[in-house]
Amino acid sequence: MPNLVMEYSNSVDERINIQGLLEDLHQATMNSGLFERSSVKSRALRYHTWLIGEQEDDADFIHIQFELLSGRTAEQKRQLTRTLMEVLEQQATDVHSLTINVRDMDRDCFQKVLN
């Protein structure tokens, strides 16, 4: 069930292979041992408009929003974050802001339908 959403400023496209980075992040998530491999979903969202502090749109970013069903320990989530950040740091060294946020989803409220 995990959802990895990589958000990035369009200026990153000029220097980073977004598809390759997304594939590497996806693979790192599958290799973490925390999830069924078939349940991992990853996608990228490109932003054309953004502001960062006083640098406004002169600074670029990559932000990973990672949502997973509740039940993992804090240490498991920290390790996942470290692993994903290693991938980001290897491939996006010149991007101004690299951030990751992991969020638990409520198991009782989550719904899923597969056709």
N, C-alpha and C. Protein backbone atom coordinates (compact mmCIF):
# COMPACT_ATOMS: atom_id res chain seq x y z
N MET A 1 0.78 -1.20 0.00
CA MET A 1 0.00 0.00 0.00
C MET A 1 0.82 1.26 0.00
N PRO A 2 2.07 1.27 0.17
CA PRO A 2 2.73 2.57 0.28
C PRO A 2 2.62 3.37 -1.01
N ASN A 3 2.49 4.68 -0.83
CA ASN A 3 2.46 5.62 -1.95
C ASN A 3 3.63 6.58 -1.81
N LEU A 4 4.53 6.54 -2.77
CA LEU A 4 5.64 7.48 -2.82
C LEU A 4 5.29 8.51 -3.90
N VAL A 5 5.21 9.77 -3.49
CA VAL A 5 4.94 10.86 -4.42
C VAL A 5 6.13 11.80 -4.39
N MET A 6 6.84 11.86 -5.50
CA MET A 6 7.99 12.75 -5.62
C MET A 6 7.53 14.04 -6.30
N GLU A 7 7.55 15.13 -5.57
CA GLU A 7 7.20 16.44 -6.09
C GLU A 7 8.49 17.17 -6.42
N TYR A 8 8.52 17.90 -7.53
CA TYR A 8 9.76 18.59 -7.89
C TYR A 8 9.47 19.82 -8.74
N SER A 9 10.36 20.79 -8.63
CA SER A 9 10.25 22.01 -9.44
C SER A 9 10.69 21.71 -10.86
N ASN A 10 10.04 22.36 -11.82
CA ASN A 10 10.35 22.05 -13.21
C ASN A 10 11.80 22.35 -13.57
N SER A 11 12.47 23.19 -12.84
CA SER A 11 13.88 23.49 -13.11
C SER A 11 14.78 22.29 -12.86
N VAL A 12 14.31 21.33 -12.07
CA VAL A 12 15.09 20.12 -11.78
C VAL A 12 15.20 19.25 -13.03
N ASP A 13 14.16 19.27 -13.86
CA ASP A 13 14.14 18.47 -15.09
C ASP A 13 15.36 18.69 -15.97
N GLU A 14 15.91 19.88 -15.94
CA GLU A 14 17.04 20.23 -16.80
C GLU A 14 18.32 19.51 -16.40
N ARG A 15 18.41 19.06 -15.14
CA ARG A 15 19.66 18.50 -14.64
C ARG A 15 19.55 17.07 -14.14
N ILE A 16 18.34 16.60 -13.86
CA ILE A 16 18.13 15.30 -13.22
C ILE A 16 17.29 14.42 -14.15
N ASN A 17 17.65 13.15 -14.22
CA ASN A 17 16.83 12.18 -14.93
C ASN A 17 15.70 11.77 -13.98
N ILE A 18 14.56 12.42 -14.12
CA ILE A 18 13.44 12.22 -13.20
C ILE A 18 12.93 10.78 -13.25
N GLN A 19 12.77 10.22 -14.43
CA GLN A 19 12.29 8.84 -14.54
C GLN A 19 13.25 7.88 -13.85
N GLY A 20 14.55 8.06 -14.08
CA GLY A 20 15.55 7.20 -13.44
C GLY A 20 15.55 7.34 -11.93
N LEU A 21 15.44 8.57 -11.45
CA LEU A 21 15.39 8.81 -10.01
C LEU A 21 14.15 8.15 -9.40
N LEU A 22 13.00 8.32 -10.05
CA LEU A 22 11.77 7.71 -9.55
C LEU A 22 11.90 6.19 -9.51
N GLU A 23 12.48 5.61 -10.54
CA GLU A 23 12.67 4.15 -10.57
C GLU A 23 13.58 3.69 -9.44
N ASP A 24 14.64 4.45 -9.16
CA ASP A 24 15.56 4.08 -8.07
C ASP A 24 14.90 4.21 -6.70
N LEU A 25 14.09 5.25 -6.51
CA LEU A 25 13.35 5.41 -5.26
C LEU A 25 12.33 4.28 -5.09
N HIS A 26 11.67 3.93 -6.17
CA HIS A 26 10.69 2.83 -6.16
C HIS A 26 11.38 1.53 -5.78
N GLN A 27 12.52 1.27 -6.40
CA GLN A 27 13.27 0.04 -6.11
C GLN A 27 13.75 0.01 -4.66
N ALA A 28 14.23 1.13 -4.16
CA ALA A 28 14.68 1.21 -2.77
C ALA A 28 13.52 0.92 -1.81
N THR A 29 12.34 1.40 -2.15
CA THR A 29 11.16 1.13 -1.32
C THR A 29 10.82 -0.35 -1.35
N MET A 30 10.84 -0.95 -2.53
CA MET A 30 10.54 -2.38 -2.63
C MET A 30 11.58 -3.22 -1.91
N ASN A 31 12.84 -2.79 -1.94
CA ASN A 31 13.92 -3.53 -1.29
C ASN A 31 13.98 -3.33 0.22
N SER A 32 13.18 -2.43 0.75
CA SER A 32 13.24 -2.12 2.18
C SER A 32 12.78 -3.29 3.06
N GLY A 33 12.01 -4.19 2.50
CA GLY A 33 11.49 -5.31 3.27
C GLY A 33 10.29 -4.93 4.14
N LEU A 34 9.81 -3.71 4.03
CA LEU A 34 8.68 -3.25 4.84
C LEU A 34 7.32 -3.47 4.18
N PHE A 35 7.33 -3.76 2.88
CA PHE A 35 6.08 -3.80 2.13
C PHE A 35 6.08 -4.99 1.17
N GLU A 36 4.88 -5.41 0.79
CA GLU A 36 4.76 -6.36 -0.31
C GLU A 36 5.18 -5.61 -1.57
N ARG A 37 6.09 -6.20 -2.31
CA ARG A 37 6.63 -5.51 -3.50
C ARG A 37 5.53 -5.08 -4.46
N SER A 38 4.52 -5.91 -4.61
CA SER A 38 3.44 -5.61 -5.57
C SER A 38 2.55 -4.45 -5.12
N SER A 39 2.65 -4.05 -3.87
CA SER A 39 1.78 -2.98 -3.37
C SER A 39 2.43 -1.59 -3.43
N VAL A 40 3.71 -1.51 -3.80
CA VAL A 40 4.42 -0.23 -3.83
C VAL A 40 3.99 0.57 -5.06
N LYS A 41 3.58 1.82 -4.83
CA LYS A 41 3.19 2.71 -5.91
C LYS A 41 4.01 4.00 -5.83
N SER A 42 4.56 4.41 -6.96
CA SER A 42 5.38 5.62 -6.99
C SER A 42 4.98 6.47 -8.18
N ARG A 43 5.02 7.77 -7.97
CA ARG A 43 4.70 8.70 -9.06
C ARG A 43 5.41 10.02 -8.82
N ALA A 44 5.51 10.81 -9.88
CA ALA A 44 6.19 12.11 -9.80
C ALA A 44 5.23 13.21 -10.24
N LEU A 45 5.29 14.32 -9.54
CA LEU A 45 4.50 15.50 -9.87
C LEU A 45 5.44 16.67 -10.10
N ARG A 46 5.35 17.26 -11.26
CA ARG A 46 6.18 18.41 -11.63
C ARG A 46 5.41 19.69 -11.35
N TYR A 47 6.08 20.64 -10.69
CA TYR A 47 5.46 21.92 -10.38
C TYR A 47 6.08 23.02 -11.23
N HIS A 48 5.21 23.85 -11.79
CA HIS A 48 5.66 24.97 -12.60
C HIS A 48 5.68 26.27 -11.82
N THR A 49 5.03 26.27 -10.68
CA THR A 49 4.95 27.47 -9.85
C THR A 49 5.26 27.08 -8.41
N TRP A 50 6.23 27.77 -7.79
CA TRP A 50 6.62 27.51 -6.41
C TRP A 50 7.38 28.71 -5.87
N LEU A 51 7.47 28.79 -4.57
CA LEU A 51 8.25 29.83 -3.89
C LEU A 51 8.98 29.17 -2.72
N ILE A 52 10.24 29.53 -2.52
CA ILE A 52 11.00 29.05 -1.38
C ILE A 52 11.66 30.26 -0.72
N GLY A 53 11.18 30.60 0.46
CA GLY A 53 11.75 31.72 1.21
C GLY A 53 11.92 32.97 0.37
N GLU A 54 13.00 33.67 0.62
CA GLU A 54 13.28 34.89 -0.13
C GLU A 54 13.86 34.60 -1.51
N GLN A 55 14.28 33.36 -1.74
CA GLN A 55 14.80 33.00 -3.06
C GLN A 55 13.69 32.77 -4.07
N GLU A 56 12.47 32.68 -3.57
CA GLU A 56 11.28 32.48 -4.39
C GLU A 56 11.49 31.32 -5.35
N ASP A 57 11.35 31.53 -6.67
CA ASP A 57 11.49 30.42 -7.61
C ASP A 57 12.90 30.28 -8.18
N ASP A 58 13.86 30.99 -7.57
CA ASP A 58 15.27 30.82 -7.96
C ASP A 58 15.88 29.57 -7.32
N ALA A 59 15.24 29.05 -6.30
CA ALA A 59 15.71 27.83 -5.64
C ALA A 59 14.80 26.68 -6.06
N ASP A 60 15.40 25.53 -6.35
CA ASP A 60 14.60 24.39 -6.77
C ASP A 60 14.48 23.37 -5.64
N PHE A 61 13.62 22.37 -5.85
CA PHE A 61 13.37 21.42 -4.78
C PHE A 61 12.95 20.06 -5.32
N ILE A 62 13.15 19.06 -4.49
CA ILE A 62 12.52 17.75 -4.62
C ILE A 62 11.99 17.41 -3.23
N HIS A 63 10.72 17.07 -3.17
CA HIS A 63 10.10 16.68 -1.91
C HIS A 63 9.40 15.34 -2.11
N ILE A 64 9.66 14.41 -1.21
CA ILE A 64 8.98 13.11 -1.26
C ILE A 64 7.94 13.08 -0.15
N GLN A 65 6.73 12.84 -0.57
CA GLN A 65 5.62 12.61 0.36
C GLN A 65 5.39 11.10 0.34
N PHE A 66 5.59 10.44 1.46
CA PHE A 66 5.48 8.99 1.53
C PHE A 66 4.37 8.62 2.51
N GLU A 67 3.33 7.98 2.00
CA GLU A 67 2.20 7.58 2.83
C GLU A 67 2.17 6.07 2.94
N LEU A 68 1.99 5.56 4.16
CA LEU A 68 1.92 4.13 4.38
C LEU A 68 0.89 3.84 5.45
N LEU A 69 0.37 2.63 5.42
CA LEU A 69 -0.59 2.25 6.45
C LEU A 69 0.09 2.22 7.80
N SER A 70 -0.62 2.62 8.83
CA SER A 70 -0.06 2.67 10.18
C SER A 70 0.37 1.27 10.62
N GLY A 71 1.30 1.24 11.54
CA GLY A 71 1.75 -0.03 12.10
C GLY A 71 3.25 -0.24 12.06
N ARG A 72 3.97 0.57 11.30
CA ARG A 72 5.43 0.47 11.27
C ARG A 72 6.00 1.22 12.46
N THR A 73 7.14 0.76 12.95
CA THR A 73 7.78 1.44 14.08
C THR A 73 8.43 2.73 13.61
N ALA A 74 8.71 3.59 14.57
CA ALA A 74 9.42 4.84 14.25
C ALA A 74 10.78 4.54 13.64
N GLU A 75 11.47 3.54 14.15
CA GLU A 75 12.79 3.19 13.60
C GLU A 75 12.67 2.68 12.17
N GLN A 76 11.66 1.90 11.86
CA GLN A 76 11.47 1.43 10.48
C GLN A 76 11.25 2.61 9.54
N LYS A 77 10.46 3.57 9.99
CA LYS A 77 10.19 4.75 9.16
C LYS A 77 11.44 5.62 9.02
N ARG A 78 12.22 5.75 10.09
CA ARG A 78 13.48 6.51 10.01
C ARG A 78 14.44 5.85 9.03
N GLN A 79 14.54 4.52 9.08
CA GLN A 79 15.44 3.81 8.17
C GLN A 79 14.99 3.98 6.72
N LEU A 80 13.70 3.91 6.48
CA LEU A 80 13.17 4.14 5.14
C LEU A 80 13.53 5.53 4.66
N THR A 81 13.34 6.53 5.52
CA THR A 81 13.66 7.91 5.17
C THR A 81 15.15 8.06 4.84
N ARG A 82 16.00 7.44 5.65
CA ARG A 82 17.45 7.51 5.40
C ARG A 82 17.80 6.88 4.05
N THR A 83 17.20 5.74 3.76
CA THR A 83 17.47 5.04 2.50
C THR A 83 17.05 5.89 1.31
N LEU A 84 15.86 6.47 1.38
CA LEU A 84 15.38 7.31 0.28
C LEU A 84 16.24 8.57 0.13
N MET A 85 16.66 9.15 1.26
CA MET A 85 17.49 10.35 1.19
C MET A 85 18.85 10.03 0.57
N GLU A 86 19.39 8.86 0.83
CA GLU A 86 20.65 8.47 0.20
C GLU A 86 20.51 8.46 -1.32
N VAL A 87 19.42 7.93 -1.82
CA VAL A 87 19.17 7.92 -3.27
C VAL A 87 19.08 9.36 -3.78
N LEU A 88 18.32 10.20 -3.09
CA LEU A 88 18.20 11.61 -3.50
C LEU A 88 19.56 12.30 -3.52
N GLU A 89 20.31 12.13 -2.44
CA GLU A 89 21.61 12.82 -2.35
C GLU A 89 22.58 12.35 -3.42
N GLN A 90 22.53 11.11 -3.81
CA GLN A 90 23.41 10.60 -4.86
C GLN A 90 23.08 11.18 -6.22
N GLN A 91 21.80 11.41 -6.48
CA GLN A 91 21.39 11.80 -7.83
C GLN A 91 21.00 13.26 -7.97
N ALA A 92 20.81 13.95 -6.87
CA ALA A 92 20.33 15.33 -6.94
C ALA A 92 21.18 16.26 -6.07
N THR A 93 22.48 16.12 -6.18
CA THR A 93 23.39 16.88 -5.31
C THR A 93 23.29 18.39 -5.48
N ASP A 94 22.91 18.85 -6.65
CA ASP A 94 22.87 20.29 -6.87
C ASP A 94 21.47 20.90 -6.74
N VAL A 95 20.50 20.12 -6.26
CA VAL A 95 19.15 20.64 -6.02
C VAL A 95 19.15 21.32 -4.65
N HIS A 96 18.62 22.52 -4.60
CA HIS A 96 18.67 23.35 -3.38
C HIS A 96 18.05 22.68 -2.16
N SER A 97 16.85 22.13 -2.31
CA SER A 97 16.13 21.59 -1.16
C SER A 97 15.68 20.15 -1.44
N LEU A 98 16.13 19.23 -0.59
CA LEU A 98 15.72 17.83 -0.65
C LEU A 98 15.03 17.50 0.66
N THR A 99 13.77 17.10 0.61
CA THR A 99 13.02 16.80 1.83
C THR A 99 12.17 15.55 1.64
N ILE A 100 11.90 14.89 2.77
CA ILE A 100 11.06 13.70 2.79
C ILE A 100 10.14 13.79 4.01
N ASN A 101 8.88 13.45 3.81
CA ASN A 101 7.94 13.36 4.91
C ASN A 101 7.21 12.03 4.82
N VAL A 102 7.21 11.28 5.92
CA VAL A 102 6.51 10.00 5.99
C VAL A 102 5.26 10.19 6.83
N ARG A 103 4.12 9.73 6.32
CA ARG A 103 2.85 9.88 7.01
C ARG A 103 2.15 8.54 7.15
N ASP A 104 1.65 8.27 8.33
CA ASP A 104 0.82 7.10 8.55
C ASP A 104 -0.61 7.36 8.09
N MET A 105 -1.18 6.37 7.44
CA MET A 105 -2.58 6.42 7.05
C MET A 105 -3.37 5.54 8.02
N ASP A 106 -4.57 5.93 8.33
CA ASP A 106 -5.43 5.19 9.26
C ASP A 106 -5.92 3.91 8.59
N ARG A 107 -5.52 2.76 9.13
CA ARG A 107 -5.92 1.46 8.57
C ARG A 107 -7.43 1.28 8.57
N ASP A 108 -8.11 1.80 9.57
CA ASP A 108 -9.55 1.63 9.68
C ASP A 108 -10.32 2.42 8.63
N CYS A 109 -9.71 3.47 8.10
CA CYS A 109 -10.41 4.34 7.14
C CYS A 109 -9.93 4.14 5.70
N PHE A 110 -8.83 3.48 5.51
CA PHE A 110 -8.30 3.28 4.15
C PHE A 110 -9.16 2.29 3.38
N GLN A 111 -9.48 2.62 2.15
CA GLN A 111 -10.24 1.74 1.27
C GLN A 111 -9.44 1.47 0.00
N LYS A 112 -9.57 0.26 -0.51
CA LYS A 112 -8.85 -0.10 -1.74
C LYS A 112 -9.71 -1.05 -2.55
N VAL A 113 -9.77 -0.83 -3.86
CA VAL A 113 -10.48 -1.70 -4.78
C VAL A 113 -9.53 -2.01 -5.92
N LEU A 114 -9.35 -3.28 -6.21
CA LEU A 114 -8.54 -3.70 -7.35
C LEU A 114 -9.46 -4.37 -8.36
N ASN A 115 -9.37 -3.99 -9.61
CA ASN A 115 -10.17 -4.60 -10.68
C ASN A 115 -9.30 -5.43 -11.58
